[in-house]
Amino acid sequence: MDKLRRVLSGRDENEEAGLTSQILDSTTLGLGTRVKWFVICFAAGILCSILGTALLFLPKAGLKLFALFYTIGNIAALSSTCFLMGPLKQLKRMFEPTRLLATIMVLLFLVLTLCAVFWWNKKGLAIFFCILQFLSMTWYSISYIPFAREAVMKCFTSCLG
């Protein structure tokens, strides 16, 4: 019946393109749904980071839980923008030349934080990588605000000298 409708309406496409467009049409989200899931995912990321900070002071496993929840929180916050732009566009924008270094640094410190805690068992290094994770996420985030990096650099250089 769908094929008959396409032929009668003048939209006679081959079956493969029709299937692709049907899949794309069925997976697209409306703006309201995108915003809701962005907020949910971003809030979950913040909640995980706060929970990780609260768990930091537990004896023995506190640091491991902190690093794990803090990293999961950053991944969730970073992933939340996929709901706004779509995952493919998000990946393309993450690896644009203007934010390529920031993206690599964020991903590197996410992995190094987990390695320091679970494989190397270096608590001080894990906290250091969490701090670098925070700084690189901040630098990555302000890359989306026009002229923000330049303003931060001017402010930083004027404070130092």
N, C-alpha and C. Protein backbone atom coordinates (compact mmCIF):
# COMPACT_ATOMS: atom_id res chain seq x y z
N MET A 1 0.82 -1.18 0.00
CA MET A 1 0.00 0.00 0.00
C MET A 1 0.86 1.25 0.00
N ASP A 2 1.97 1.22 0.80
CA ASP A 2 2.87 2.37 0.83
C ASP A 2 3.51 2.62 -0.52
N LYS A 3 3.86 1.54 -1.20
CA LYS A 3 4.47 1.69 -2.53
C LYS A 3 3.48 2.31 -3.50
N LEU A 4 2.23 1.92 -3.42
CA LEU A 4 1.20 2.50 -4.27
C LEU A 4 1.04 3.99 -3.99
N ARG A 5 1.06 4.36 -2.70
CA ARG A 5 0.97 5.79 -2.35
C ARG A 5 2.15 6.58 -2.90
N ARG A 6 3.36 6.00 -2.80
CA ARG A 6 4.54 6.70 -3.32
C ARG A 6 4.45 6.89 -4.82
N VAL A 7 4.01 5.86 -5.53
CA VAL A 7 3.90 5.95 -6.99
C VAL A 7 2.85 6.98 -7.37
N LEU A 8 1.71 6.95 -6.69
CA LEU A 8 0.63 7.89 -7.02
C LEU A 8 0.98 9.33 -6.65
N SER A 9 1.76 9.51 -5.64
CA SER A 9 2.12 10.87 -5.24
C SER A 9 3.34 11.38 -6.00
N GLY A 10 3.97 10.54 -6.81
CA GLY A 10 5.12 10.97 -7.58
C GLY A 10 6.43 10.81 -6.85
N ARG A 11 6.42 10.16 -5.72
CA ARG A 11 7.65 9.95 -4.95
C ARG A 11 8.13 8.52 -5.11
N ASP A 12 8.29 8.07 -6.32
CA ASP A 12 8.71 6.69 -6.57
C ASP A 12 10.22 6.57 -6.35
N GLU A 13 10.61 6.09 -5.18
CA GLU A 13 12.01 5.90 -4.82
C GLU A 13 12.31 4.42 -4.87
N ASN A 14 13.58 4.10 -4.95
CA ASN A 14 13.90 2.68 -4.90
C ASN A 14 13.68 2.16 -3.48
N GLU A 15 13.56 0.88 -3.33
CA GLU A 15 13.19 0.27 -2.04
C GLU A 15 14.25 0.54 -0.98
N GLU A 16 15.53 0.53 -1.35
CA GLU A 16 16.59 0.72 -0.38
C GLU A 16 16.54 2.12 0.22
N ALA A 17 16.38 3.14 -0.61
CA ALA A 17 16.29 4.50 -0.10
C ALA A 17 15.02 4.67 0.74
N GLY A 18 13.96 3.99 0.37
CA GLY A 18 12.72 4.06 1.15
C GLY A 18 12.91 3.47 2.53
N LEU A 19 13.62 2.36 2.63
CA LEU A 19 13.89 1.74 3.92
C LEU A 19 14.76 2.64 4.79
N THR A 20 15.79 3.22 4.19
CA THR A 20 16.67 4.12 4.94
C THR A 20 15.90 5.32 5.47
N SER A 21 15.09 5.92 4.64
CA SER A 21 14.32 7.09 5.09
C SER A 21 13.29 6.69 6.14
N GLN A 22 12.74 5.49 6.03
CA GLN A 22 11.80 5.02 7.04
C GLN A 22 12.50 4.84 8.39
N ILE A 23 13.69 4.29 8.36
CA ILE A 23 14.45 4.10 9.61
C ILE A 23 14.79 5.45 10.21
N LEU A 24 15.27 6.38 9.39
CA LEU A 24 15.61 7.71 9.89
C LEU A 24 14.39 8.43 10.44
N ASP A 25 13.26 8.31 9.75
CA ASP A 25 12.04 8.96 10.22
C ASP A 25 11.56 8.38 11.54
N SER A 26 11.74 7.09 11.73
CA SER A 26 11.25 6.46 12.95
C SER A 26 12.17 6.70 14.15
N THR A 27 13.41 7.10 13.91
CA THR A 27 14.33 7.31 15.02
C THR A 27 14.56 8.77 15.37
N THR A 28 14.00 9.68 14.62
CA THR A 28 14.20 11.08 14.95
C THR A 28 13.32 11.45 16.13
N LEU A 29 13.84 12.32 16.97
CA LEU A 29 13.11 12.76 18.15
C LEU A 29 12.64 14.19 17.94
N GLY A 30 11.51 14.50 18.52
CA GLY A 30 11.02 15.86 18.47
C GLY A 30 11.85 16.74 19.39
N LEU A 31 11.74 18.06 19.20
CA LEU A 31 12.53 18.99 19.99
C LEU A 31 12.25 18.85 21.49
N GLY A 32 10.98 18.71 21.85
CA GLY A 32 10.62 18.56 23.27
C GLY A 32 11.26 17.33 23.89
N THR A 33 11.24 16.22 23.15
CA THR A 33 11.83 14.98 23.64
C THR A 33 13.35 15.12 23.77
N ARG A 34 13.95 15.77 22.78
CA ARG A 34 15.40 15.98 22.83
C ARG A 34 15.80 16.79 24.06
N VAL A 35 15.07 17.88 24.32
CA VAL A 35 15.39 18.74 25.46
C VAL A 35 15.19 17.99 26.77
N LYS A 36 14.10 17.22 26.87
CA LYS A 36 13.85 16.45 28.10
C LYS A 36 14.99 15.47 28.38
N TRP A 37 15.40 14.72 27.36
CA TRP A 37 16.46 13.74 27.57
C TRP A 37 17.81 14.40 27.79
N PHE A 38 18.04 15.56 27.19
CA PHE A 38 19.25 16.32 27.47
C PHE A 38 19.30 16.68 28.95
N VAL A 39 18.19 17.22 29.47
CA VAL A 39 18.13 17.63 30.88
C VAL A 39 18.31 16.41 31.79
N ILE A 40 17.64 15.31 31.47
CA ILE A 40 17.74 14.09 32.28
C ILE A 40 19.18 13.58 32.30
N CYS A 41 19.80 13.50 31.14
CA CYS A 41 21.17 12.97 31.05
C CYS A 41 22.17 13.91 31.72
N PHE A 42 21.99 15.21 31.52
CA PHE A 42 22.89 16.18 32.13
C PHE A 42 22.73 16.18 33.65
N ALA A 43 21.49 16.12 34.12
CA ALA A 43 21.24 16.08 35.57
C ALA A 43 21.81 14.79 36.18
N ALA A 44 21.69 13.68 35.46
CA ALA A 44 22.27 12.42 35.95
C ALA A 44 23.78 12.54 36.05
N GLY A 45 24.39 13.23 35.10
CA GLY A 45 25.83 13.45 35.14
C GLY A 45 26.24 14.28 36.34
N ILE A 46 25.50 15.34 36.61
CA ILE A 46 25.80 16.18 37.77
C ILE A 46 25.59 15.39 39.05
N LEU A 47 24.50 14.62 39.11
CA LEU A 47 24.21 13.81 40.29
C LEU A 47 25.32 12.79 40.54
N CYS A 48 25.80 12.15 39.49
CA CYS A 48 26.90 11.18 39.65
C CYS A 48 28.16 11.87 40.16
N SER A 49 28.45 13.05 39.65
CA SER A 49 29.64 13.77 40.10
C SER A 49 29.53 14.17 41.57
N ILE A 50 28.35 14.63 41.97
CA ILE A 50 28.13 15.00 43.37
C ILE A 50 28.19 13.77 44.27
N LEU A 51 27.57 12.68 43.81
CA LEU A 51 27.61 11.43 44.57
C LEU A 51 29.05 10.95 44.72
N GLY A 52 29.82 11.04 43.65
CA GLY A 52 31.22 10.64 43.72
C GLY A 52 31.99 11.47 44.72
N THR A 53 31.72 12.77 44.75
CA THR A 53 32.40 13.64 45.72
C THR A 53 32.01 13.28 47.15
N ALA A 54 30.73 12.95 47.36
CA ALA A 54 30.29 12.55 48.70
C ALA A 54 30.92 11.23 49.13
N LEU A 55 31.13 10.33 48.17
CA LEU A 55 31.70 9.02 48.48
C LEU A 55 33.22 9.08 48.68
N LEU A 56 33.83 10.19 48.35
CA LEU A 56 35.28 10.32 48.47
C LEU A 56 35.77 10.07 49.88
N PHE A 57 34.97 10.40 50.87
CA PHE A 57 35.41 10.32 52.25
C PHE A 57 35.11 8.98 52.91
N LEU A 58 34.62 8.02 52.17
CA LEU A 58 34.44 6.67 52.72
C LEU A 58 35.80 6.00 52.88
N PRO A 59 35.97 5.24 53.95
CA PRO A 59 37.25 4.55 54.12
C PRO A 59 37.45 3.47 53.06
N LYS A 60 38.65 3.23 52.68
CA LYS A 60 39.12 2.22 51.74
C LYS A 60 38.63 2.44 50.30
N ALA A 61 37.37 2.23 50.01
CA ALA A 61 36.89 2.28 48.62
C ALA A 61 36.43 3.68 48.18
N GLY A 62 36.55 4.66 49.04
CA GLY A 62 36.05 5.99 48.75
C GLY A 62 36.64 6.61 47.50
N LEU A 63 37.96 6.52 47.35
CA LEU A 63 38.61 7.13 46.20
C LEU A 63 38.22 6.44 44.90
N LYS A 64 38.14 5.13 44.94
CA LYS A 64 37.73 4.40 43.73
C LYS A 64 36.32 4.78 43.32
N LEU A 65 35.41 4.85 44.30
CA LEU A 65 34.03 5.24 43.99
C LEU A 65 33.96 6.67 43.49
N PHE A 66 34.77 7.55 44.10
CA PHE A 66 34.80 8.94 43.65
C PHE A 66 35.22 9.02 42.19
N ALA A 67 36.33 8.40 41.85
CA ALA A 67 36.85 8.47 40.48
C ALA A 67 35.87 7.85 39.50
N LEU A 68 35.26 6.73 39.88
CA LEU A 68 34.30 6.07 39.00
C LEU A 68 33.07 6.94 38.77
N PHE A 69 32.44 7.42 39.84
CA PHE A 69 31.23 8.22 39.69
C PHE A 69 31.51 9.59 39.05
N TYR A 70 32.66 10.17 39.36
CA TYR A 70 33.01 11.45 38.76
C TYR A 70 33.20 11.30 37.25
N THR A 71 33.86 10.22 36.85
CA THR A 71 34.08 9.97 35.42
C THR A 71 32.77 9.63 34.72
N ILE A 72 31.94 8.80 35.33
CA ILE A 72 30.63 8.49 34.75
C ILE A 72 29.79 9.77 34.61
N GLY A 73 29.87 10.64 35.61
CA GLY A 73 29.14 11.90 35.56
C GLY A 73 29.60 12.77 34.40
N ASN A 74 30.90 12.84 34.18
CA ASN A 74 31.41 13.62 33.05
C ASN A 74 31.03 13.01 31.71
N ILE A 75 31.04 11.70 31.62
CA ILE A 75 30.63 11.03 30.38
C ILE A 75 29.15 11.30 30.12
N ALA A 76 28.32 11.21 31.14
CA ALA A 76 26.88 11.48 30.98
C ALA A 76 26.64 12.93 30.58
N ALA A 77 27.34 13.86 31.20
CA ALA A 77 27.18 15.27 30.84
C ALA A 77 27.64 15.53 29.41
N LEU A 78 28.73 14.91 29.02
CA LEU A 78 29.23 15.06 27.66
C LEU A 78 28.28 14.43 26.66
N SER A 79 27.73 13.29 27.02
CA SER A 79 26.80 12.59 26.12
C SER A 79 25.44 13.27 26.02
N SER A 80 25.10 14.08 27.00
CA SER A 80 23.77 14.71 26.99
C SER A 80 23.56 15.60 25.78
N THR A 81 24.63 16.19 25.27
CA THR A 81 24.48 17.06 24.11
C THR A 81 24.15 16.28 22.84
N CYS A 82 24.35 14.97 22.87
CA CYS A 82 23.95 14.14 21.72
C CYS A 82 22.44 14.23 21.49
N PHE A 83 21.69 14.44 22.56
CA PHE A 83 20.24 14.56 22.41
C PHE A 83 19.86 15.86 21.73
N LEU A 84 20.65 16.89 21.93
CA LEU A 84 20.33 18.17 21.30
C LEU A 84 20.72 18.20 19.83
N MET A 85 21.91 17.72 19.52
CA MET A 85 22.42 17.80 18.15
C MET A 85 22.27 16.52 17.36
N GLY A 86 22.17 15.42 18.05
CA GLY A 86 22.25 14.12 17.40
C GLY A 86 23.67 13.61 17.54
N PRO A 87 23.84 12.31 17.66
CA PRO A 87 25.17 11.75 17.94
C PRO A 87 26.20 12.00 16.83
N LEU A 88 25.79 11.91 15.57
CA LEU A 88 26.73 12.10 14.47
C LEU A 88 27.23 13.54 14.41
N LYS A 89 26.31 14.49 14.52
CA LYS A 89 26.69 15.90 14.50
C LYS A 89 27.55 16.24 15.71
N GLN A 90 27.23 15.65 16.85
CA GLN A 90 28.03 15.87 18.06
C GLN A 90 29.46 15.40 17.85
N LEU A 91 29.63 14.21 17.30
CA LEU A 91 30.98 13.69 17.05
C LEU A 91 31.74 14.55 16.06
N LYS A 92 31.04 15.00 15.00
CA LYS A 92 31.69 15.88 14.02
C LYS A 92 32.15 17.17 14.68
N ARG A 93 31.31 17.75 15.52
CA ARG A 93 31.67 19.01 16.17
C ARG A 93 32.76 18.81 17.22
N MET A 94 32.77 17.66 17.88
CA MET A 94 33.81 17.38 18.88
C MET A 94 35.19 17.34 18.24
N PHE A 95 35.27 16.84 17.02
CA PHE A 95 36.56 16.66 16.37
C PHE A 95 36.86 17.73 15.31
N GLU A 96 36.17 18.87 15.40
CA GLU A 96 36.52 20.01 14.55
C GLU A 96 37.89 20.52 14.99
N PRO A 97 38.63 21.14 14.09
CA PRO A 97 39.99 21.60 14.44
C PRO A 97 40.04 22.54 15.65
N THR A 98 39.00 23.34 15.86
CA THR A 98 39.04 24.29 16.98
C THR A 98 38.94 23.61 18.34
N ARG A 99 38.36 22.42 18.41
CA ARG A 99 38.24 21.76 19.70
C ARG A 99 38.82 20.35 19.71
N LEU A 100 39.62 20.03 18.71
CA LEU A 100 40.22 18.70 18.62
C LEU A 100 41.12 18.40 19.82
N LEU A 101 42.00 19.33 20.15
CA LEU A 101 42.91 19.13 21.28
C LEU A 101 42.13 18.98 22.59
N ALA A 102 41.12 19.82 22.79
CA ALA A 102 40.32 19.74 24.01
C ALA A 102 39.59 18.40 24.11
N THR A 103 39.07 17.93 22.99
CA THR A 103 38.37 16.64 22.97
C THR A 103 39.32 15.50 23.31
N ILE A 104 40.50 15.53 22.71
CA ILE A 104 41.49 14.48 23.00
C ILE A 104 41.88 14.50 24.47
N MET A 105 42.06 15.69 25.01
CA MET A 105 42.44 15.80 26.42
C MET A 105 41.33 15.28 27.34
N VAL A 106 40.10 15.62 27.05
CA VAL A 106 38.97 15.13 27.86
C VAL A 106 38.94 13.60 27.85
N LEU A 107 38.98 13.03 26.65
CA LEU A 107 38.90 11.57 26.54
C LEU A 107 40.11 10.90 27.20
N LEU A 108 41.28 11.50 27.03
CA LEU A 108 42.50 10.95 27.63
C LEU A 108 42.41 10.94 29.15
N PHE A 109 41.96 12.05 29.75
CA PHE A 109 41.89 12.12 31.21
C PHE A 109 40.77 11.27 31.78
N LEU A 110 39.70 11.05 31.01
CA LEU A 110 38.66 10.12 31.45
C LEU A 110 39.26 8.72 31.60
N VAL A 111 40.00 8.30 30.60
CA VAL A 111 40.61 6.96 30.62
C VAL A 111 41.71 6.87 31.67
N LEU A 112 42.57 7.89 31.75
CA LEU A 112 43.67 7.85 32.71
C LEU A 112 43.18 7.85 34.15
N THR A 113 42.07 8.53 34.42
CA THR A 113 41.51 8.52 35.78
C THR A 113 41.12 7.10 36.18
N LEU A 114 40.45 6.42 35.29
CA LEU A 114 40.02 5.05 35.59
C LEU A 114 41.22 4.10 35.68
N CYS A 115 42.22 4.31 34.83
CA CYS A 115 43.43 3.47 34.90
C CYS A 115 44.16 3.67 36.21
N ALA A 116 44.27 4.93 36.65
CA ALA A 116 44.98 5.23 37.89
C ALA A 116 44.32 4.57 39.10
N VAL A 117 43.01 4.49 39.08
CA VAL A 117 42.29 3.93 40.22
C VAL A 117 42.23 2.40 40.18
N PHE A 118 41.86 1.84 39.04
CA PHE A 118 41.58 0.41 38.99
C PHE A 118 42.78 -0.46 38.63
N TRP A 119 43.71 0.04 37.82
CA TRP A 119 44.82 -0.81 37.41
C TRP A 119 46.11 -0.44 38.11
N TRP A 120 46.39 0.85 38.24
CA TRP A 120 47.66 1.27 38.83
C TRP A 120 47.57 1.44 40.33
N ASN A 121 46.37 1.57 40.89
CA ASN A 121 46.15 1.79 42.33
C ASN A 121 46.96 2.97 42.88
N LYS A 122 46.96 4.07 42.14
CA LYS A 122 47.65 5.29 42.54
C LYS A 122 46.62 6.36 42.89
N LYS A 123 46.37 6.55 44.17
CA LYS A 123 45.32 7.47 44.61
C LYS A 123 45.63 8.92 44.27
N GLY A 124 46.84 9.34 44.51
CA GLY A 124 47.22 10.72 44.22
C GLY A 124 47.11 11.04 42.74
N LEU A 125 47.52 10.09 41.93
CA LEU A 125 47.45 10.25 40.48
C LEU A 125 45.99 10.33 40.02
N ALA A 126 45.13 9.55 40.64
CA ALA A 126 43.71 9.56 40.29
C ALA A 126 43.09 10.94 40.58
N ILE A 127 43.43 11.50 41.74
CA ILE A 127 42.91 12.84 42.06
C ILE A 127 43.46 13.88 41.10
N PHE A 128 44.74 13.75 40.77
CA PHE A 128 45.36 14.67 39.81
C PHE A 128 44.65 14.58 38.45
N PHE A 129 44.36 13.36 38.00
CA PHE A 129 43.66 13.19 36.72
C PHE A 129 42.22 13.70 36.79
N CYS A 130 41.57 13.60 37.95
CA CYS A 130 40.23 14.17 38.10
C CYS A 130 40.26 15.69 37.97
N ILE A 131 41.29 16.30 38.53
CA ILE A 131 41.44 17.76 38.40
C ILE A 131 41.68 18.13 36.94
N LEU A 132 42.55 17.37 36.27
CA LEU A 132 42.80 17.62 34.85
C LEU A 132 41.55 17.34 34.01
N GLN A 133 40.78 16.35 34.43
CA GLN A 133 39.51 16.04 33.76
C GLN A 133 38.57 17.24 33.85
N PHE A 134 38.48 17.83 35.04
CA PHE A 134 37.63 19.00 35.25
C PHE A 134 38.10 20.17 34.38
N LEU A 135 39.40 20.43 34.39
CA LEU A 135 39.93 21.55 33.61
C LEU A 135 39.75 21.34 32.10
N SER A 136 39.97 20.13 31.63
CA SER A 136 39.81 19.87 30.20
C SER A 136 38.34 19.91 29.79
N MET A 137 37.44 19.45 30.65
CA MET A 137 36.00 19.55 30.35
C MET A 137 35.57 21.01 30.31
N THR A 138 36.11 21.82 31.18
CA THR A 138 35.79 23.24 31.18
C THR A 138 36.28 23.89 29.90
N TRP A 139 37.52 23.60 29.50
CA TRP A 139 38.08 24.16 28.28
C TRP A 139 37.29 23.68 27.05
N TYR A 140 36.91 22.42 27.05
CA TYR A 140 36.09 21.88 25.96
C TYR A 140 34.73 22.58 25.92
N SER A 141 34.10 22.76 27.07
CA SER A 141 32.76 23.36 27.13
C SER A 141 32.76 24.80 26.66
N ILE A 142 33.78 25.57 27.06
CA ILE A 142 33.77 26.97 26.63
C ILE A 142 34.12 27.12 25.15
N SER A 143 34.57 26.05 24.52
CA SER A 143 34.84 26.12 23.08
C SER A 143 33.56 26.31 22.27
N TYR A 144 32.42 26.02 22.87
CA TYR A 144 31.14 26.19 22.19
C TYR A 144 30.60 27.61 22.33
N ILE A 145 31.21 28.42 23.19
CA ILE A 145 30.77 29.80 23.40
C ILE A 145 31.68 30.71 22.57
N PRO A 146 31.11 31.49 21.66
CA PRO A 146 31.95 32.35 20.81
C PRO A 146 32.82 33.29 21.65
N PHE A 147 34.09 33.35 21.32
CA PHE A 147 35.09 34.22 21.93
C PHE A 147 35.33 33.95 23.41
N ALA A 148 34.82 32.88 23.96
CA ALA A 148 35.00 32.60 25.39
C ALA A 148 36.45 32.22 25.69
N ARG A 149 37.05 31.42 24.85
CA ARG A 149 38.43 31.03 25.09
C ARG A 149 39.36 32.25 25.09
N GLU A 150 39.13 33.15 24.14
CA GLU A 150 39.95 34.35 24.07
C GLU A 150 39.77 35.19 25.34
N ALA A 151 38.54 35.31 25.82
CA ALA A 151 38.28 36.08 27.04
C ALA A 151 38.94 35.45 28.25
N VAL A 152 38.90 34.14 28.35
CA VAL A 152 39.54 33.45 29.47
C VAL A 152 41.05 33.63 29.41
N MET A 153 41.61 33.51 28.22
CA MET A 153 43.06 33.69 28.07
C MET A 153 43.48 35.12 28.42
N LYS A 154 42.71 36.11 27.98
CA LYS A 154 43.02 37.50 28.32
C LYS A 154 42.95 37.72 29.83
N CYS A 155 41.92 37.20 30.44
CA CYS A 155 41.75 37.33 31.89
C CYS A 155 42.91 36.65 32.62
N PHE A 156 43.28 35.48 32.17
CA PHE A 156 44.36 34.72 32.80
C PHE A 156 45.70 35.43 32.65
N THR A 157 45.99 35.94 31.46
CA THR A 157 47.27 36.62 31.25
C THR A 157 47.33 37.96 31.97
N SER A 158 46.18 38.65 32.08
CA SER A 158 46.20 39.93 32.80
C SER A 158 46.35 39.72 34.32
N CYS A 159 45.87 38.61 34.82
CA CYS A 159 46.03 38.29 36.24
C CYS A 159 47.47 37.92 36.57
N LEU A 160 48.14 37.29 35.63
CA LEU A 160 49.52 36.85 35.87
C LEU A 160 50.55 37.96 35.65
N GLY A 161 50.20 38.91 34.85
CA GLY A 161 51.27 39.83 34.59
C GLY A 161 50.86 41.16 34.23
